[in-house]
Amino acid sequence: MSQPFHSQQFRVIPYEEWMNEGSCRFYPQALFFPPDGHHTLSEAAREICNFCPVQLTCLEYALTHRLDDGIWGGTTGRERKRIIARRVRLRLALPA
């Protein structure tokens, strides 16, 4: 993944230096962007992420850039939406 790549919806994802360290660089991009309903592929990608040295950096990148599709940092788009919602609720609950 040493160059920009495309998500399922053809959005160009900017390349970042930390991506050179990702375990995903050894696997086809399609594994991390499985079609809807391909649970087995998602689980395989998530397993790769579990041992990735940049897993948390990858997850934060996906959260910051609001990447809805694909497996990033071992999470699905649905899981990332939940994380963002939880963070918003926590921020709103903190005293100003």
Foldseek 3Di string as FASTA:
>chain_A
DQAWDAAPVRDTDHDDPCVVQFLCVVDDQCLFFDDPPPVVSLVVVLVSLVPGPCLVVQLVSCLVVLPQTGATSSDHSVVSVVVNVVVVVVVVPDDD
